[in-house]
Amino acid sequence: MRAIVLLVAALALNSRAETVPFVGCKSGGMVETDAAPTGKSRDLPIAKADAQRLAYYAMSGGVGILAPRDWNCYGFAGSGGMGLMVSENPIDSMKFFSSHWDGLTGLRFTSCSALATHLADTRSPR
């Protein structure tokens, strides 16, 4: 037991939080649009090199994800739940909610979408 406590203490001393900037994302739903929330930078236990390339994107309602800096984001909410899209390309909400939208495609979107789903599934209740 003592070895486990010492190992946890050593990991805690060696882990260092790095700061990533907060980016508020405008969001919309079936009825209304929410302005992008304001927030503070986040201190996260990630490598310094990753922190220099990433930002924490979040919409009102608390949904957030790490993604590359300087990308675009848009949140959505409805009767089926809420989600947050982050893309290197601009996200046009008028096209997103139309029947003519082609969607976001590509490996990066798939990876971010899978990560967002994983984080939502493992998020502890508040």
N, C-alpha and C. Protein backbone atom coordinates (compact mmCIF):
# COMPACT_ATOMS: atom_id res chain seq x y z
N MET A 1 0.83 -1.20 0.00
CA MET A 1 0.00 0.00 0.00
C MET A 1 0.87 1.26 0.00
N ARG A 2 1.94 1.22 0.80
CA ARG A 2 2.83 2.37 0.90
C ARG A 2 3.46 2.68 -0.47
N ALA A 3 3.80 1.63 -1.23
CA ALA A 3 4.41 1.83 -2.55
C ALA A 3 3.44 2.53 -3.50
N ILE A 4 2.15 2.17 -3.41
CA ILE A 4 1.14 2.81 -4.28
C ILE A 4 1.01 4.28 -3.93
N VAL A 5 0.98 4.60 -2.65
CA VAL A 5 0.87 6.00 -2.22
C VAL A 5 2.08 6.79 -2.69
N LEU A 6 3.27 6.22 -2.56
CA LEU A 6 4.48 6.91 -3.01
C LEU A 6 4.48 7.11 -4.52
N LEU A 7 4.01 6.12 -5.27
CA LEU A 7 3.95 6.23 -6.72
C LEU A 7 2.99 7.34 -7.13
N VAL A 8 1.83 7.38 -6.52
CA VAL A 8 0.85 8.43 -6.82
C VAL A 8 1.41 9.80 -6.46
N ALA A 9 2.09 9.91 -5.33
CA ALA A 9 2.68 11.19 -4.93
C ALA A 9 3.77 11.60 -5.91
N ALA A 10 4.58 10.65 -6.37
CA ALA A 10 5.64 10.96 -7.33
C ALA A 10 5.05 11.42 -8.66
N LEU A 11 4.00 10.76 -9.12
CA LEU A 11 3.34 11.17 -10.37
C LEU A 11 2.75 12.57 -10.24
N ALA A 12 2.16 12.85 -9.09
CA ALA A 12 1.57 14.17 -8.87
C ALA A 12 2.64 15.26 -8.89
N LEU A 13 3.80 14.96 -8.32
CA LEU A 13 4.88 15.94 -8.31
C LEU A 13 5.48 16.14 -9.70
N ASN A 14 5.51 15.09 -10.50
CA ASN A 14 6.11 15.17 -11.83
C ASN A 14 5.15 15.69 -12.89
N SER A 15 3.85 15.61 -12.65
CA SER A 15 2.90 16.11 -13.65
C SER A 15 2.80 17.62 -13.53
N ARG A 16 2.79 18.25 -14.68
CA ARG A 16 2.73 19.70 -14.69
C ARG A 16 1.58 20.13 -15.59
N ALA A 17 0.79 21.04 -15.12
CA ALA A 17 -0.33 21.53 -15.91
C ALA A 17 0.17 22.61 -16.88
N GLU A 18 -0.29 22.50 -18.09
CA GLU A 18 0.02 23.50 -19.12
C GLU A 18 -1.26 24.25 -19.44
N THR A 19 -1.12 25.51 -19.82
CA THR A 19 -2.28 26.36 -20.08
C THR A 19 -2.65 26.36 -21.56
N VAL A 20 -3.94 26.18 -21.82
CA VAL A 20 -4.47 26.30 -23.18
C VAL A 20 -5.54 27.40 -23.16
N PRO A 21 -5.64 28.18 -24.26
CA PRO A 21 -6.62 29.26 -24.28
C PRO A 21 -8.05 28.74 -24.42
N PHE A 22 -8.99 29.51 -23.91
CA PHE A 22 -10.42 29.22 -24.03
C PHE A 22 -10.96 29.93 -25.26
N VAL A 23 -11.77 29.23 -26.04
CA VAL A 23 -12.45 29.82 -27.20
C VAL A 23 -13.94 29.55 -27.04
N GLY A 24 -14.74 30.61 -26.94
CA GLY A 24 -16.18 30.47 -26.84
C GLY A 24 -16.79 30.24 -28.21
N CYS A 25 -17.77 29.34 -28.29
CA CYS A 25 -18.39 29.00 -29.56
C CYS A 25 -19.86 29.41 -29.56
N LYS A 26 -20.26 30.12 -30.58
CA LYS A 26 -21.66 30.46 -30.78
C LYS A 26 -22.43 29.16 -30.97
N SER A 27 -23.68 29.13 -30.54
CA SER A 27 -24.46 27.90 -30.70
C SER A 27 -25.90 28.25 -31.05
N GLY A 28 -26.58 27.29 -31.62
CA GLY A 28 -27.96 27.48 -32.02
C GLY A 28 -28.72 26.19 -31.91
N GLY A 29 -30.02 26.35 -31.99
CA GLY A 29 -30.88 25.18 -31.90
C GLY A 29 -32.13 25.39 -32.71
N MET A 30 -33.17 24.72 -32.29
CA MET A 30 -34.41 24.78 -33.04
C MET A 30 -35.10 26.14 -32.91
N VAL A 31 -34.83 26.85 -31.82
CA VAL A 31 -35.56 28.08 -31.57
C VAL A 31 -34.67 29.32 -31.50
N GLU A 32 -33.57 29.23 -30.80
CA GLU A 32 -32.76 30.43 -30.56
C GLU A 32 -31.28 30.19 -30.77
N THR A 33 -30.54 31.30 -30.79
CA THR A 33 -29.09 31.27 -30.93
C THR A 33 -28.47 31.83 -29.66
N ASP A 34 -27.42 31.17 -29.17
CA ASP A 34 -26.70 31.65 -27.99
C ASP A 34 -25.38 32.25 -28.42
N ALA A 35 -25.03 33.37 -27.82
CA ALA A 35 -23.74 34.00 -28.10
C ALA A 35 -22.62 33.12 -27.56
N ALA A 36 -21.45 33.32 -28.09
CA ALA A 36 -20.29 32.58 -27.61
C ALA A 36 -20.02 32.96 -26.16
N PRO A 37 -19.86 31.97 -25.28
CA PRO A 37 -19.57 32.28 -23.88
C PRO A 37 -18.14 32.80 -23.71
N THR A 38 -17.93 33.52 -22.63
CA THR A 38 -16.57 33.94 -22.28
C THR A 38 -16.06 32.96 -21.23
N GLY A 39 -14.79 32.77 -21.21
CA GLY A 39 -14.22 31.84 -20.25
C GLY A 39 -12.76 32.13 -20.03
N LYS A 40 -12.17 31.37 -19.16
CA LYS A 40 -10.75 31.53 -18.82
C LYS A 40 -9.95 30.40 -19.44
N SER A 41 -8.68 30.67 -19.65
CA SER A 41 -7.77 29.63 -20.11
C SER A 41 -7.82 28.46 -19.14
N ARG A 42 -7.53 27.27 -19.65
CA ARG A 42 -7.58 26.06 -18.83
C ARG A 42 -6.18 25.52 -18.58
N ASP A 43 -5.93 25.10 -17.36
CA ASP A 43 -4.69 24.42 -17.01
C ASP A 43 -4.96 22.92 -17.07
N LEU A 44 -4.26 22.24 -17.97
CA LEU A 44 -4.51 20.82 -18.19
C LEU A 44 -3.22 20.02 -18.09
N PRO A 45 -3.31 18.76 -17.65
CA PRO A 45 -2.11 17.92 -17.53
C PRO A 45 -1.71 17.32 -18.89
N ILE A 46 -1.23 18.18 -19.78
CA ILE A 46 -0.80 17.74 -21.11
C ILE A 46 0.61 18.25 -21.37
N ALA A 47 1.24 17.70 -22.38
CA ALA A 47 2.60 18.10 -22.73
C ALA A 47 2.62 19.55 -23.22
N LYS A 48 3.71 20.23 -22.94
CA LYS A 48 3.85 21.63 -23.34
C LYS A 48 3.69 21.80 -24.85
N ALA A 49 4.26 20.89 -25.64
CA ALA A 49 4.16 20.97 -27.10
C ALA A 49 2.70 20.89 -27.55
N ASP A 50 1.90 20.04 -26.89
CA ASP A 50 0.47 19.93 -27.23
C ASP A 50 -0.28 21.20 -26.82
N ALA A 51 0.05 21.72 -25.65
CA ALA A 51 -0.63 22.94 -25.16
C ALA A 51 -0.39 24.12 -26.10
N GLN A 52 0.76 24.15 -26.75
CA GLN A 52 1.07 25.25 -27.67
C GLN A 52 0.29 25.13 -28.98
N ARG A 53 -0.25 23.96 -29.28
CA ARG A 53 -0.98 23.75 -30.54
C ARG A 53 -2.49 23.68 -30.34
N LEU A 54 -2.96 23.54 -29.09
CA LEU A 54 -4.38 23.30 -28.83
C LEU A 54 -5.06 24.46 -28.13
N ALA A 55 -6.38 24.49 -28.25
CA ALA A 55 -7.23 25.43 -27.51
C ALA A 55 -8.42 24.63 -26.98
N TYR A 56 -9.07 25.17 -25.94
CA TYR A 56 -10.27 24.53 -25.39
C TYR A 56 -11.48 25.28 -25.92
N TYR A 57 -12.25 24.63 -26.79
CA TYR A 57 -13.45 25.22 -27.39
C TYR A 57 -14.66 24.79 -26.58
N ALA A 58 -15.57 25.74 -26.26
CA ALA A 58 -16.75 25.39 -25.47
C ALA A 58 -17.94 26.25 -25.89
N MET A 59 -19.12 25.65 -25.77
CA MET A 59 -20.37 26.36 -26.03
C MET A 59 -21.10 26.55 -24.71
N SER A 60 -22.12 27.38 -24.71
CA SER A 60 -22.91 27.53 -23.48
C SER A 60 -23.56 26.18 -23.21
N GLY A 61 -23.68 25.83 -21.97
CA GLY A 61 -24.21 24.52 -21.61
C GLY A 61 -23.12 23.57 -21.16
N GLY A 62 -21.85 23.98 -21.33
CA GLY A 62 -20.75 23.20 -20.78
C GLY A 62 -20.08 22.20 -21.69
N VAL A 63 -20.55 22.02 -22.92
CA VAL A 63 -19.90 21.08 -23.83
C VAL A 63 -18.62 21.72 -24.34
N GLY A 64 -17.50 21.02 -24.23
CA GLY A 64 -16.22 21.55 -24.68
C GLY A 64 -15.29 20.46 -25.14
N ILE A 65 -14.27 20.85 -25.93
CA ILE A 65 -13.32 19.89 -26.47
C ILE A 65 -12.00 20.59 -26.78
N LEU A 66 -10.91 19.83 -26.71
CA LEU A 66 -9.61 20.33 -27.16
C LEU A 66 -9.51 20.12 -28.66
N ALA A 67 -9.04 21.13 -29.36
CA ALA A 67 -8.85 21.04 -30.81
C ALA A 67 -7.74 22.00 -31.19
N PRO A 68 -7.22 21.89 -32.42
CA PRO A 68 -6.15 22.80 -32.84
C PRO A 68 -6.54 24.27 -32.72
N ARG A 69 -5.58 25.08 -32.37
CA ARG A 69 -5.82 26.53 -32.27
C ARG A 69 -6.21 27.11 -33.62
N ASP A 70 -6.92 28.21 -33.58
CA ASP A 70 -7.32 28.96 -34.76
C ASP A 70 -8.29 28.22 -35.67
N TRP A 71 -9.01 27.25 -35.13
CA TRP A 71 -10.04 26.58 -35.91
C TRP A 71 -11.37 27.30 -35.67
N ASN A 72 -12.43 26.82 -36.26
CA ASN A 72 -13.77 27.40 -36.16
C ASN A 72 -14.66 26.44 -35.38
N CYS A 73 -15.64 27.00 -34.67
CA CYS A 73 -16.52 26.13 -33.89
C CYS A 73 -17.96 26.62 -33.94
N TYR A 74 -18.86 25.68 -33.71
CA TYR A 74 -20.29 26.00 -33.64
C TYR A 74 -20.97 24.90 -32.83
N GLY A 75 -21.76 25.30 -31.85
CA GLY A 75 -22.49 24.35 -31.03
C GLY A 75 -23.94 24.26 -31.46
N PHE A 76 -24.55 23.12 -31.18
CA PHE A 76 -25.96 22.96 -31.50
C PHE A 76 -26.65 22.21 -30.37
N ALA A 77 -27.93 22.51 -30.20
CA ALA A 77 -28.72 21.85 -29.15
C ALA A 77 -30.13 21.67 -29.66
N GLY A 78 -30.73 20.60 -29.25
CA GLY A 78 -32.10 20.31 -29.65
C GLY A 78 -32.68 19.23 -28.77
N SER A 79 -33.81 18.70 -29.17
CA SER A 79 -34.48 17.68 -28.37
C SER A 79 -33.67 16.39 -28.28
N GLY A 80 -32.74 16.18 -29.23
CA GLY A 80 -31.92 14.98 -29.22
C GLY A 80 -30.61 15.13 -28.47
N GLY A 81 -30.36 16.29 -27.90
CA GLY A 81 -29.12 16.51 -27.16
C GLY A 81 -28.37 17.72 -27.69
N MET A 82 -27.09 17.78 -27.36
CA MET A 82 -26.26 18.90 -27.80
C MET A 82 -24.93 18.38 -28.28
N GLY A 83 -24.27 19.19 -29.09
CA GLY A 83 -22.97 18.81 -29.61
C GLY A 83 -22.18 20.03 -30.01
N LEU A 84 -20.92 19.83 -30.26
CA LEU A 84 -20.02 20.92 -30.62
C LEU A 84 -19.19 20.49 -31.81
N MET A 85 -19.22 21.27 -32.87
CA MET A 85 -18.41 21.00 -34.05
C MET A 85 -17.21 21.93 -34.05
N VAL A 86 -16.05 21.39 -34.38
CA VAL A 86 -14.84 22.18 -34.52
C VAL A 86 -14.22 21.76 -35.84
N SER A 87 -13.91 22.75 -36.67
CA SER A 87 -13.40 22.45 -38.00
C SER A 87 -12.36 23.49 -38.41
N GLU A 88 -11.42 23.06 -39.25
CA GLU A 88 -10.47 24.02 -39.78
C GLU A 88 -11.13 24.93 -40.81
N ASN A 89 -12.30 24.54 -41.32
CA ASN A 89 -13.06 25.34 -42.27
C ASN A 89 -14.17 26.10 -41.54
N PRO A 90 -14.57 27.27 -42.05
CA PRO A 90 -15.68 28.00 -41.44
C PRO A 90 -16.95 27.14 -41.41
N ILE A 91 -17.73 27.29 -40.36
CA ILE A 91 -18.98 26.55 -40.21
C ILE A 91 -20.12 27.55 -40.36
N ASP A 92 -20.90 27.41 -41.38
CA ASP A 92 -22.02 28.30 -41.68
C ASP A 92 -23.29 27.70 -41.07
N SER A 93 -23.81 28.31 -40.01
CA SER A 93 -24.98 27.75 -39.32
C SER A 93 -26.20 27.69 -40.23
N MET A 94 -26.33 28.63 -41.17
CA MET A 94 -27.48 28.60 -42.08
C MET A 94 -27.42 27.35 -42.97
N LYS A 95 -26.24 26.99 -43.43
CA LYS A 95 -26.10 25.77 -44.23
C LYS A 95 -26.25 24.53 -43.35
N PHE A 96 -25.74 24.61 -42.13
CA PHE A 96 -25.80 23.45 -41.24
C PHE A 96 -27.24 23.04 -40.97
N PHE A 97 -28.10 24.02 -40.77
CA PHE A 97 -29.49 23.71 -40.44
C PHE A 97 -30.38 23.59 -41.69
N SER A 98 -29.82 23.67 -42.88
CA SER A 98 -30.61 23.52 -44.10
C SER A 98 -30.57 22.07 -44.57
N SER A 99 -31.41 21.74 -45.51
CA SER A 99 -31.43 20.38 -46.05
C SER A 99 -30.39 20.21 -47.15
N HIS A 100 -29.62 21.26 -47.47
CA HIS A 100 -28.65 21.20 -48.56
C HIS A 100 -27.21 21.13 -48.07
N TRP A 101 -27.00 20.95 -46.79
CA TRP A 101 -25.66 20.95 -46.22
C TRP A 101 -24.99 19.61 -46.49
N ASP A 102 -23.74 19.63 -46.95
CA ASP A 102 -23.00 18.41 -47.25
C ASP A 102 -22.30 17.82 -46.03
N GLY A 103 -22.21 18.58 -44.97
CA GLY A 103 -21.60 18.07 -43.75
C GLY A 103 -20.11 18.30 -43.69
N LEU A 104 -19.55 17.96 -42.55
CA LEU A 104 -18.11 18.02 -42.34
C LEU A 104 -17.56 16.63 -42.59
N THR A 105 -16.51 16.54 -43.34
CA THR A 105 -15.97 15.23 -43.66
C THR A 105 -14.46 15.22 -43.43
N GLY A 106 -13.88 14.07 -43.53
CA GLY A 106 -12.43 13.95 -43.42
C GLY A 106 -12.00 13.30 -42.13
N LEU A 107 -10.75 12.88 -42.10
CA LEU A 107 -10.20 12.18 -40.96
C LEU A 107 -10.18 13.05 -39.72
N ARG A 108 -9.81 14.33 -39.86
CA ARG A 108 -9.73 15.20 -38.68
C ARG A 108 -11.09 15.34 -38.03
N PHE A 109 -12.15 15.54 -38.84
CA PHE A 109 -13.48 15.67 -38.25
C PHE A 109 -13.89 14.38 -37.56
N THR A 110 -13.64 13.26 -38.20
CA THR A 110 -14.00 11.97 -37.61
C THR A 110 -13.28 11.78 -36.29
N SER A 111 -12.00 12.12 -36.23
CA SER A 111 -11.23 11.95 -35.00
C SER A 111 -11.76 12.86 -33.89
N CYS A 112 -12.04 14.13 -34.23
CA CYS A 112 -12.55 15.07 -33.22
C CYS A 112 -13.94 14.64 -32.74
N SER A 113 -14.77 14.19 -33.67
CA SER A 113 -16.11 13.74 -33.30
C SER A 113 -16.04 12.53 -32.38
N ALA A 114 -15.15 11.59 -32.69
CA ALA A 114 -14.99 10.41 -31.85
C ALA A 114 -14.47 10.79 -30.48
N LEU A 115 -13.53 11.72 -30.42
CA LEU A 115 -12.99 12.17 -29.14
C LEU A 115 -14.06 12.87 -28.31
N ALA A 116 -14.87 13.70 -28.95
CA ALA A 116 -15.94 14.40 -28.23
C ALA A 116 -16.93 13.40 -27.65
N THR A 117 -17.27 12.39 -28.44
CA THR A 117 -18.20 11.36 -27.96
C THR A 117 -17.60 10.61 -26.78
N HIS A 118 -16.32 10.26 -26.88
CA HIS A 118 -15.65 9.55 -25.80
C HIS A 118 -15.63 10.40 -24.52
N LEU A 119 -15.27 11.67 -24.66
CA LEU A 119 -15.21 12.54 -23.49
C LEU A 119 -16.59 12.71 -22.86
N ALA A 120 -17.62 12.83 -23.68
CA ALA A 120 -18.98 12.97 -23.14
C ALA A 120 -19.40 11.71 -22.40
N ASP A 121 -19.00 10.54 -22.91
CA ASP A 121 -19.36 9.27 -22.27
C ASP A 121 -18.63 9.06 -20.96
N THR A 122 -17.41 9.60 -20.84
CA THR A 122 -16.62 9.37 -19.62
C THR A 122 -16.67 10.52 -18.64
N ARG A 123 -17.38 11.57 -18.99
CA ARG A 123 -17.45 12.74 -18.11
C ARG A 123 -18.18 12.39 -16.83
N SER A 124 -17.58 12.74 -15.72
CA SER A 124 -18.20 12.41 -14.43
C SER A 124 -19.32 13.39 -14.13
N PRO A 125 -20.39 12.89 -13.47
CA PRO A 125 -21.50 13.80 -13.12
C PRO A 125 -21.05 14.85 -12.13
N ARG A 126 -21.64 16.01 -12.23
CA ARG A 126 -21.27 17.11 -11.31
C ARG A 126 -22.13 17.10 -10.09
